[in-house]
PDB file of N, CA and C in Angstrom:
ATOM      1  N   MET A   1     -53.426  29.545 102.332  1.00  0.00           N
ATOM      2  CA  MET A   1     -55.094  29.113 102.989  1.00  0.00           C
ATOM      3  C   MET A   1     -55.046  28.786 103.607  1.00  0.00           C
ATOM      4  N   VAL A   2     -56.172  28.856 104.999  1.00  0.00           N
ATOM      5  CA  VAL A   2     -56.440  28.553 106.405  1.00  0.00           C
ATOM      6  C   VAL A   2     -57.390  27.519 106.348  1.00  0.00           C
ATOM      7  N   SER A   3     -56.761  26.481 106.267  1.00  0.00           N
ATOM      8  CA  SER A   3     -58.194  25.287 106.728  1.00  0.00           C
ATOM      9  C   SER A   3     -58.828  25.214 108.125  1.00  0.00           C
ATOM     10  N   SER A   4     -59.809  25.124 108.401  1.00  0.00           N
ATOM     11  CA  SER A   4     -60.475  24.230 109.487  1.00  0.00           C
ATOM     12  C   SER A   4     -59.236  23.678 110.369  1.00  0.00           C
ATOM     13  N   THR A   5     -59.482  24.147 112.093  1.00  0.00           N
ATOM     14  CA  THR A   5     -59.167  23.270 113.056  1.00  0.00           C
ATOM     15  C   THR A   5     -59.217  21.908 113.559  1.00  0.00           C
ATOM     16  N   THR A   6     -58.372  21.474 113.488  1.00  0.00           N
ATOM     17  CA  THR A   6     -58.720  20.070 113.361  1.00  0.00           C
ATOM     18  C   THR A   6     -58.128  19.636 115.240  1.00  0.00           C
ATOM     19  N   THR A   7     -59.012  18.590 115.733  1.00  0.00           N
ATOM     20  CA  THR A   7     -58.916  19.382 117.683  1.00  0.00           C
ATOM     21  C   THR A   7     -58.368  17.241 118.053  1.00  0.00           C
ATOM     22  N   ILE A   8     -57.238  17.280 118.437  1.00  0.00           N
ATOM     23  CA  ILE A   8     -56.607  15.951 118.543  1.00  0.00           C
ATOM     24  C   ILE A   8     -56.697  15.781 119.753  1.00  0.00           C
ATOM     25  N   SER A   9     -57.353  14.612 120.194  1.00  0.00           N
ATOM     26  CA  SER A   9     -57.653  14.291 122.351  1.00  0.00           C
ATOM     27  C   SER A   9     -56.196  13.642 122.354  1.00  0.00           C
ATOM     28  N   ALA A  10     -55.554  13.722 123.427  1.00  0.00           N
ATOM     29  CA  ALA A  10     -54.677  13.473 124.171  1.00  0.00           C
ATOM     30  C   ALA A  10     -54.633  12.272 125.101  1.00  0.00           C
ATOM     31  N   GLU A  11     -55.967  11.924 124.544  1.00  0.00           N
ATOM     32  CA  GLU A  11     -56.492  10.700 125.833  1.00  0.00           C
ATOM     33  C   GLU A  11     -55.159   9.485 125.601  1.00  0.00           C
ATOM     34  N   GLY A  12     -55.172   8.553 126.810  1.00  0.00           N
ATOM     35  CA  GLY A  12     -53.639   7.782 126.553  1.00  0.00           C
ATOM     36  C   GLY A  12     -52.065   8.482 126.878  1.00  0.00           C
ATOM     37  N   SER A  13     -52.237   9.541 126.860  1.00  0.00           N
ATOM     38  CA  SER A  13     -51.522   9.768 127.346  1.00  0.00           C
ATOM     39  C   SER A  13     -50.339  10.915 128.575  1.00  0.00           C
ATOM     40  N   PRO A  14     -50.093   9.555 128.740  1.00  0.00           N
ATOM     41  CA  PRO A  14     -48.906   9.815 130.401  1.00  0.00           C
ATOM     42  C   PRO A  14     -48.647  11.737 130.409  1.00  0.00           C
ATOM     43  N   SER A  15     -49.273  12.709 130.967  1.00  0.00           N
ATOM     44  CA  SER A  15     -49.244  14.242 131.003  1.00  0.00           C
ATOM     45  C   SER A  15     -49.290  14.226 132.014  1.00  0.00           C
ATOM     46  N   PRO A  16     -49.269  15.763 132.865  1.00  0.00           N
ATOM     47  CA  PRO A  16     -49.961  16.122 134.365  1.00  0.00           C
ATOM     48  C   PRO A  16     -51.019  16.724 134.048  1.00  0.00           C
ATOM     49  N   SER A  17     -50.991  17.335 132.535  1.00  0.00           N
ATOM     50  CA  SER A  17     -52.707  18.950 132.452  1.00  0.00           C
ATOM     51  C   SER A  17     -52.917  17.923 130.955  1.00  0.00           C
ATOM     52  N   PRO A  18     -53.403  17.074 130.905  1.00  0.00           N
ATOM     53  CA  PRO A  18     -54.245  16.225 130.310  1.00  0.00           C
ATOM     54  C   PRO A  18     -55.348  17.615 129.350  1.00  0.00           C
ATOM     55  N   GLN A  19     -55.532  17.953 130.027  1.00  0.00           N
ATOM     56  CA  GLN A  19     -57.032  19.659 130.100  1.00  0.00           C
ATOM     57  C   GLN A  19     -56.316  20.370 128.926  1.00  0.00           C
ATOM     58  N   ARG A  20     -55.076  20.790 129.323  1.00  0.00           N
ATOM     59  CA  ARG A  20     -54.947  22.323 128.457  1.00  0.00           C
ATOM     60  C   ARG A  20     -54.177  21.249 127.017  1.00  0.00           C
ATOM     61  N   LYS A  21     -54.709  21.978 125.833  1.00  0.00           N
ATOM     62  CA  LYS A  21     -54.757  22.379 124.729  1.00  0.00           C
ATOM     63  C   LYS A  21     -53.568  23.897 124.329  1.00  0.00           C
ATOM     64  N   ILE A  22     -52.899  23.720 122.928  1.00  0.00           N
ATOM     65  CA  ILE A  22     -52.334  24.413 122.234  1.00  0.00           C
ATOM     66  C   ILE A  22     -52.783  24.199 121.007  1.00  0.00           C
ATOM     67  N   MET A  23     -52.454  25.323 120.288  1.00  0.00           N
ATOM     68  CA  MET A  23     -53.015  25.517 118.844  1.00  0.00           C
ATOM     69  C   MET A  23     -51.752  25.583 117.790  1.00  0.00           C
ATOM     70  N   LEU A  24     -51.375  24.541 117.178  1.00  0.00           N
ATOM     71  CA  LEU A  24     -49.844  25.127 116.642  1.00  0.00           C
ATOM     72  C   LEU A  24     -50.114  24.535 114.728  1.00  0.00           C
ATOM     73  N   LYS A  25     -49.549  25.206 113.716  1.00  0.00           N
ATOM     74  CA  LYS A  25     -50.286  24.869 112.593  1.00  0.00           C
ATOM     75  C   LYS A  25     -48.811  25.003 111.639  1.00  0.00           C
ATOM     76  N   VAL A  26     -49.587  23.943 111.533  1.00  0.00           N
ATOM     77  CA  VAL A  26     -49.052  23.227 109.860  1.00  0.00           C
ATOM     78  C   VAL A  26     -48.392  23.601 109.031  1.00  0.00           C
ATOM     79  N   LYS A  27     -47.459  23.892 108.233  1.00  0.00           N
ATOM     80  CA  LYS A  27     -46.925  24.373 106.787  1.00  0.00           C
ATOM     81  C   LYS A  27     -46.621  24.024 106.086  1.00  0.00           C
ATOM     82  N   THR A  28     -47.267  23.659 104.784  1.00  0.00           N
ATOM     83  CA  THR A  28     -46.543  23.395 104.183  1.00  0.00           C
ATOM     84  C   THR A  28     -45.866  24.619 103.003  1.00  0.00           C
ATOM     85  N   GLN A  29     -44.848  23.806 102.930  1.00  0.00           N
ATOM     86  CA  GLN A  29     -43.266  24.597 102.023  1.00  0.00           C
ATOM     87  C   GLN A  29     -43.575  24.744 100.754  1.00  0.00           C
ATOM     88  N   GLN A  30     -44.276  23.501 100.142  1.00  0.00           N
ATOM     89  CA  GLN A  30     -44.552  23.488  98.316  1.00  0.00           C
ATOM     90  C   GLN A  30     -45.240  24.785  98.258  1.00  0.00           C
ATOM     91  N   ASP A  31     -46.638  24.756  98.732  1.00  0.00           N
ATOM     92  CA  ASP A  31     -47.809  25.632  98.264  1.00  0.00           C
ATOM     93  C   ASP A  31     -48.201  26.589  99.237  1.00  0.00           C
ATOM     94  N   GLY A  32     -47.733  26.649 100.108  1.00  0.00           N
ATOM     95  CA  GLY A  32     -47.772  27.801 101.111  1.00  0.00           C
ATOM     96  C   GLY A  32     -48.821  27.346 101.851  1.00  0.00           C
ATOM     97  N   GLY A  33     -49.931  26.046 102.407  1.00  0.00           N
ATOM     98  CA  GLY A  33     -51.218  25.954 103.355  1.00  0.00           C
ATOM     99  C   GLY A  33     -50.571  26.077 104.383  1.00  0.00           C
ATOM    100  N   GLU A  34     -51.661  25.695 105.201  1.00  0.00           N
ATOM    101  CA  GLU A  34     -51.517  26.105 106.057  1.00  0.00           C
ATOM    102  C   GLU A  34     -52.688  25.528 106.840  1.00  0.00           C
ATOM    103  N   ASP A  35     -52.863  24.686 107.576  1.00  0.00           N
ATOM    104  CA  ASP A  35     -53.444  23.168 109.150  1.00  0.00           C
ATOM    105  C   ASP A  35     -53.402  24.153 110.036  1.00  0.00           C
ATOM    106  N   VAL A  36     -54.741  23.975 110.675  1.00  0.00           N
ATOM    107  CA  VAL A  36     -54.447  24.070 112.535  1.00  0.00           C
ATOM    108  C   VAL A  36     -55.245  22.870 113.008  1.00  0.00           C
ATOM    109  N   TYR A  37     -53.838  22.677 114.361  1.00  0.00           N
ATOM    110  CA  TYR A  37     -54.413  21.909 114.758  1.00  0.00           C
ATOM    111  C   TYR A  37     -54.225  22.015 116.403  1.00  0.00           C
ATOM    112  N   LYS A  38     -55.581  21.792 117.314  1.00  0.00           N
ATOM    113  CA  LYS A  38     -55.337  21.730 118.655  1.00  0.00           C
ATOM    114  C   LYS A  38     -55.368  20.457 119.366  1.00  0.00           C
ATOM    115  N   ILE A  39     -53.746  20.561 120.089  1.00  0.00           N
ATOM    116  CA  ILE A  39     -53.546  19.518 120.472  1.00  0.00           C
ATOM    117  C   ILE A  39     -53.615  19.619 121.789  1.00  0.00           C
ATOM    118  N   GLY A  40     -53.492  18.487 122.321  1.00  0.00           N
ATOM    119  CA  GLY A  40     -53.233  18.337 124.288  1.00  0.00           C
ATOM    120  C   GLY A  40     -50.832  18.603 124.061  1.00  0.00           C
ATOM    121  N   TYR A  41     -51.492  19.250 125.646  1.00  0.00           N
ATOM    122  CA  TYR A  41     -50.351  19.408 125.222  1.00  0.00           C
ATOM    123  C   TYR A  41     -49.096  18.207 125.750  1.00  0.00           C
ATOM    124  N   GLY A  42     -49.654  17.701 126.783  1.00  0.00           N
ATOM    125  CA  GLY A  42     -48.451  16.156 126.442  1.00  0.00           C
ATOM    126  C   GLY A  42     -49.008  15.176 125.648  1.00  0.00           C
ATOM    127  N   ALA A  43     -50.157  15.117 124.265  1.00  0.00           N
ATOM    128  CA  ALA A  43     -49.802  14.114 123.471  1.00  0.00           C
ATOM    129  C   ALA A  43     -48.867  13.741 122.354  1.00  0.00           C
ATOM    130  N   ASN A  44     -49.188  12.846 122.553  1.00  0.00           N
ATOM    131  CA  ASN A  44     -48.003  12.687 121.375  1.00  0.00           C
ATOM    132  C   ASN A  44     -47.873  13.204 120.121  1.00  0.00           C
ATOM    133  N   LEU A  45     -46.695  13.570 119.638  1.00  0.00           N
ATOM    134  CA  LEU A  45     -47.533  14.404 118.200  1.00  0.00           C
ATOM    135  C   LEU A  45     -47.777  13.372 116.993  1.00  0.00           C
ATOM    136  N   LYS A  46     -47.285  11.716 117.327  1.00  0.00           N
ATOM    137  CA  LYS A  46     -47.569  11.239 115.699  1.00  0.00           C
ATOM    138  C   LYS A  46     -49.452  11.543 116.007  1.00  0.00           C
ATOM    139  N   LYS A  47     -49.976  11.601 116.827  1.00  0.00           N
ATOM    140  CA  LYS A  47     -51.489  12.076 116.754  1.00  0.00           C
ATOM    141  C   LYS A  47     -52.331  13.434 115.780  1.00  0.00           C
ATOM    142  N   LEU A  48     -50.937  13.810 115.442  1.00  0.00           N
ATOM    143  CA  LEU A  48     -50.566  15.210 115.018  1.00  0.00           C
ATOM    144  C   LEU A  48     -50.300  15.253 112.997  1.00  0.00           C
ATOM    145  N   MET A  49     -48.732  13.927 112.868  1.00  0.00           N
ATOM    146  CA  MET A  49     -49.101  13.343 112.551  1.00  0.00           C
ATOM    147  C   MET A  49     -49.907  12.326 111.557  1.00  0.00           C
ATOM    148  N   ASP A  50     -50.345  11.867 111.825  1.00  0.00           N
ATOM    149  CA  ASP A  50     -51.451  11.369 111.608  1.00  0.00           C
ATOM    150  C   ASP A  50     -52.181  11.415 110.847  1.00  0.00           C
ATOM    151  N   ALA A  51     -52.751  12.764 111.556  1.00  0.00           N
ATOM    152  CA  ALA A  51     -54.178  13.846 111.255  1.00  0.00           C
ATOM    153  C   ALA A  51     -53.749  14.231 110.024  1.00  0.00           C
ATOM    154  N   TYR A  52     -53.030  14.524 110.232  1.00  0.00           N
ATOM    155  CA  TYR A  52     -52.397  15.860 109.077  1.00  0.00           C
ATOM    156  C   TYR A  52     -51.948  14.633 107.390  1.00  0.00           C
ATOM    157  N   CYS A  53     -51.885  13.596 107.744  1.00  0.00           N
ATOM    158  CA  CYS A  53     -51.297  12.499 106.440  1.00  0.00           C
ATOM    159  C   CYS A  53     -53.002  11.778 105.942  1.00  0.00           C
ATOM    160  N   THR A  54     -53.777  12.092 107.022  1.00  0.00           N
ATOM    161  CA  THR A  54     -54.636  11.072 106.391  1.00  0.00           C
ATOM    162  C   THR A  54     -55.918  12.541 105.919  1.00  0.00           C
ATOM    163  N   LYS A  55     -55.452  14.349 106.593  1.00  0.00           N
ATOM    164  CA  LYS A  55     -56.214  14.911 105.875  1.00  0.00           C
ATOM    165  C   LYS A  55     -55.520  14.734 104.433  1.00  0.00           C
ATOM    166  N   ARG A  56     -54.653  15.044 104.257  1.00  0.00           N
ATOM    167  CA  ARG A  56     -53.738  15.264 103.210  1.00  0.00           C
ATOM    168  C   ARG A  56     -53.894  13.951 101.692  1.00  0.00           C
ATOM    169  N   ASN A  57     -54.149  12.955 102.529  1.00  0.00           N
ATOM    170  CA  ASN A  57     -53.920  11.845 101.673  1.00  0.00           C
ATOM    171  C   ASN A  57     -52.343  12.112 101.448  1.00  0.00           C
ATOM    172  N   LEU A  58     -51.516  11.676 102.155  1.00  0.00           N
ATOM    173  CA  LEU A  58     -50.090  11.065 101.503  1.00  0.00           C
ATOM    174  C   LEU A  58     -49.846  10.307 102.924  1.00  0.00           C
ATOM    175  N   GLU A  59     -48.223   9.466 102.237  1.00  0.00           N
ATOM    176  CA  GLU A  59     -47.998   8.541 102.797  1.00  0.00           C
ATOM    177  C   GLU A  59     -47.344   8.941 103.902  1.00  0.00           C
ATOM    178  N   LYS A  60     -47.117   8.673 105.348  1.00  0.00           N
ATOM    179  CA  LYS A  60     -46.520   8.685 106.567  1.00  0.00           C
ATOM    180  C   LYS A  60     -44.495   8.885 106.057  1.00  0.00           C
ATOM    181  N   THR A  61     -44.546   7.910 105.552  1.00  0.00           N
ATOM    182  CA  THR A  61     -43.510   7.215 104.841  1.00  0.00           C
ATOM    183  C   THR A  61     -41.830   8.790 104.799  1.00  0.00           C
ATOM    184  N   THR A  62     -43.274   9.652 103.276  1.00  0.00           N
ATOM    185  CA  THR A  62     -42.774  10.616 101.957  1.00  0.00           C
ATOM    186  C   THR A  62     -43.023  11.866 102.919  1.00  0.00           C
ATOM    187  N   VAL A  63     -43.620  12.579 104.549  1.00  0.00           N
ATOM    188  CA  VAL A  63     -43.493  13.609 104.601  1.00  0.00           C
ATOM    189  C   VAL A  63     -42.505  13.781 105.769  1.00  0.00           C
ATOM    190  N   ARG A  64     -41.875  14.701 106.826  1.00  0.00           N
ATOM    191  CA  ARG A  64     -40.983  15.114 107.351  1.00  0.00           C
ATOM    192  C   ARG A  64     -41.370  16.361 107.717  1.00  0.00           C
ATOM    193  N   PHE A  65     -42.160  16.482 109.352  1.00  0.00           N
ATOM    194  CA  PHE A  65     -42.342  17.663 109.917  1.00  0.00           C
ATOM    195  C   PHE A  65     -40.842  18.286 110.555  1.00  0.00           C
ATOM    196  N   ILE A  66     -40.766  19.862 110.611  1.00  0.00           N
ATOM    197  CA  ILE A  66     -40.196  19.724 111.157  1.00  0.00           C
ATOM    198  C   ILE A  66     -40.087  21.145 111.729  1.00  0.00           C
ATOM    199  N   PHE A  67     -39.639  21.304 113.207  1.00  0.00           N
ATOM    200  CA  PHE A  67     -40.058  22.624 114.668  1.00  0.00           C
ATOM    201  C   PHE A  67     -38.668  22.766 114.753  1.00  0.00           C
ATOM    202  N   ARG A  68     -38.647  24.347 114.254  1.00  0.00           N
ATOM    203  CA  ARG A  68     -37.330  24.254 115.115  1.00  0.00           C
ATOM    204  C   ARG A  68     -35.850  24.726 114.211  1.00  0.00           C
ATOM    205  N   TYR A  69     -35.821  24.291 113.071  1.00  0.00           N
ATOM    206  CA  TYR A  69     -34.968  23.289 112.172  1.00  0.00           C
ATOM    207  C   TYR A  69     -34.396  21.890 112.394  1.00  0.00           C
ATOM    208  N   LYS A  70     -35.529  20.916 113.102  1.00  0.00           N
ATOM    209  CA  LYS A  70     -34.674  19.991 113.391  1.00  0.00           C
ATOM    210  C   LYS A  70     -36.404  19.193 113.359  1.00  0.00           C
ATOM    211  N   GLU A  71     -35.853  18.120 112.655  1.00  0.00           N
ATOM    212  CA  GLU A  71     -37.325  16.985 112.675  1.00  0.00           C
ATOM    213  C   GLU A  71     -37.400  16.353 113.848  1.00  0.00           C
ATOM    214  N   LEU A  72     -38.866  16.295 113.901  1.00  0.00           N
ATOM    215  CA  LEU A  72     -39.999  15.990 114.871  1.00  0.00           C
ATOM    216  C   LEU A  72     -40.026  14.497 114.541  1.00  0.00           C
ATOM    217  N   LYS A  73     -40.243  13.849 116.133  1.00  0.00           N
ATOM    218  CA  LYS A  73     -40.239  12.075 116.642  1.00  0.00           C
ATOM    219  C   LYS A  73     -41.451  12.333 116.945  1.00  0.00           C
ATOM    220  N   PRO A  74     -42.391  11.122 116.603  1.00  0.00           N
ATOM    221  CA  PRO A  74     -44.056  10.800 116.817  1.00  0.00           C
ATOM    222  C   PRO A  74     -43.792  10.796 118.100  1.00  0.00           C
ATOM    223  N   ARG A  75     -43.048  10.019 119.363  1.00  0.00           N
ATOM    224  CA  ARG A  75     -43.212  10.356 119.962  1.00  0.00           C
ATOM    225  C   ARG A  75     -42.956  11.860 121.327  1.00  0.00           C
ATOM    226  N   GLN A  76     -42.835  12.776 120.864  1.00  0.00           N
ATOM    227  CA  GLN A  76     -42.206  13.942 120.777  1.00  0.00           C
ATOM    228  C   GLN A  76     -43.523  15.149 121.267  1.00  0.00           C
ATOM    229  N   THR A  77     -43.579  15.032 122.551  1.00  0.00           N
ATOM    230  CA  THR A  77     -44.907  16.118 123.010  1.00  0.00           C
ATOM    231  C   THR A  77     -44.825  17.914 123.416  1.00  0.00           C
ATOM    232  N   PRO A  78     -45.968  18.302 122.838  1.00  0.00           N
ATOM    233  CA  PRO A  78     -45.770  20.103 122.831  1.00  0.00           C
ATOM    234  C   PRO A  78     -44.979  19.841 124.385  1.00  0.00           C
ATOM    235  N   ALA A  79     -45.049  19.416 125.100  1.00  0.00           N
ATOM    236  CA  ALA A  79     -44.611  19.637 126.462  1.00  0.00           C
ATOM    237  C   ALA A  79     -42.760  19.398 126.124  1.00  0.00           C
ATOM    238  N   GLN A  80     -41.953  18.627 125.928  1.00  0.00           N
ATOM    239  CA  GLN A  80     -41.290  18.649 125.419  1.00  0.00           C
ATOM    240  C   GLN A  80     -40.424  19.325 124.619  1.00  0.00           C
ATOM    241  N   LEU A  81     -41.728  20.288 124.457  1.00  0.00           N
ATOM    242  CA  LEU A  81     -40.388  21.267 122.830  1.00  0.00           C
ATOM    243  C   LEU A  81     -40.690  21.922 123.611  1.00  0.00           C
ATOM    244  N   THR A  82     -41.452  22.073 124.522  1.00  0.00           N
ATOM    245  CA  THR A  82     -42.179  23.604 124.734  1.00  0.00           C
ATOM    246  C   THR A  82     -42.580  24.846 124.385  1.00  0.00           C
ATOM    247  N   MET A  83     -43.395  23.822 122.947  1.00  0.00           N
ATOM    248  CA  MET A  83     -44.353  24.663 122.553  1.00  0.00           C
ATOM    249  C   MET A  83     -45.204  25.894 123.098  1.00  0.00           C
ATOM    250  N   LYS A  84     -45.482  26.839 121.454  1.00  0.00           N
ATOM    251  CA  LYS A  84     -46.467  27.637 122.445  1.00  0.00           C
ATOM    252  C   LYS A  84     -47.695  28.161 121.589  1.00  0.00           C
ATOM    253  N   ASP A  85     -48.968  28.117 121.809  1.00  0.00           N
ATOM    254  CA  ASP A  85     -50.156  28.548 121.238  1.00  0.00           C
ATOM    255  C   ASP A  85     -49.240  29.619 119.530  1.00  0.00           C
ATOM    256  N   GLY A  86     -49.600  28.897 118.734  1.00  0.00           N
ATOM    257  CA  GLY A  86     -49.380  28.913 117.235  1.00  0.00           C
ATOM    258  C   GLY A  86     -48.236  29.093 117.043  1.00  0.00           C
ATOM    259  N   ASP A  87     -47.159  28.172 117.458  1.00  0.00           N
ATOM    260  CA  ASP A  87     -46.254  27.814 117.482  1.00  0.00           C
ATOM    261  C   ASP A  87     -46.211  27.223 115.763  1.00  0.00           C
ATOM    262  N   ILE A  88     -45.605  26.937 113.994  1.00  0.00           N
ATOM    263  CA  ILE A  88     -45.474  26.739 112.959  1.00  0.00           C
ATOM    264  C   ILE A  88     -44.774  25.693 112.994  1.00  0.00           C
ATOM    265  N   ILE A  89     -45.562  24.492 112.631  1.00  0.00           N
ATOM    266  CA  ILE A  89     -43.754  23.159 112.055  1.00  0.00           C
ATOM    267  C   ILE A  89     -44.363  23.565 110.139  1.00  0.00           C
ATOM    268  N   ASP A  90     -43.219  23.173 110.368  1.00  0.00           N
ATOM    269  CA  ASP A  90     -42.921  23.021 108.390  1.00  0.00           C
ATOM    270  C   ASP A  90     -43.195  21.909 108.214  1.00  0.00           C
ATOM    271  N   ILE A  91     -43.560  21.362 107.039  1.00  0.00           N
ATOM    272  CA  ILE A  91     -43.735  20.508 105.779  1.00  0.00           C
ATOM    273  C   ILE A  91     -42.829  20.239 105.221  1.00  0.00           C
ATOM    274  N   VAL A  92     -42.324  18.977 105.578  1.00  0.00           N
ATOM    275  CA  VAL A  92     -41.119  18.588 103.783  1.00  0.00           C
ATOM    276  C   VAL A  92     -41.658  17.489 103.221  1.00  0.00           C
ATOM    277  N   THR A  93     -41.733  17.309 101.661  1.00  0.00           N
ATOM    278  CA  THR A  93     -41.743  16.076 101.577  1.00  0.00           C
ATOM    279  C   THR A  93     -40.715  15.722 100.753  1.00  0.00           C
ATOM    280  N   ASP A  94     -40.377  14.484 100.395  1.00  0.00           N
ATOM    281  CA  ASP A  94     -39.271  13.741  99.690  1.00  0.00           C
ATOM    282  C   ASP A  94     -40.124  13.385  98.968  1.00  0.00           C
ATOM    283  N   GLN A  95     -39.505  13.945  97.701  1.00  0.00           N
ATOM    284  CA  GLN A  95     -39.402  13.749  95.944  1.00  0.00           C
ATOM    285  C   GLN A  95     -39.115  12.800  96.339  1.00  0.00           C
ATOM    286  N   GLY A  96     -39.648  12.145  95.315  1.00  0.00           N
ATOM    287  CA  GLY A  96     -39.845  10.546  94.628  1.00  0.00           C
ATOM    288  C   GLY A  96     -39.054  11.332  92.875  1.00  0.00           C
ATOM    289  N   GLY A  97     -37.848  10.269  92.883  1.00  0.00           N
ATOM    290  CA  GLY A  97     -36.861  10.543  91.218  1.00  0.00           C
ATOM    291  C   GLY A  97     -35.797   9.964  91.625  1.00  0.00           C
ATOM    292  N   GLY A  98     -35.104   9.431  90.515  1.00  0.00           N
ATOM    293  CA  GLY A  98     -33.570   9.498  90.143  1.00  0.00           C
ATOM    294  C   GLY A  98     -33.724   9.292  88.893  1.00  0.00           C
TER     295      GLY A  98
END
């Protein structure tokens, strides 16, 4: 299931090319759902993470964003990670219990 594209602004981000945007897919492991986000190449991924959690009504502390088998940090940017259009970020949610 692919939902509509969400555009995330790169305002306030120190970036050599703030106009450049890329499309990233955020894929949920549990149900295979996909969301598409358009984000500035120099924007912090925190913006995408916050938008995803708000859209899915999730607590930020229960979600991990994984790209190339590594957990993403909110201050990283697509430029730092050399992301390309169409790259997929996997979502892993921590399951409570005990």
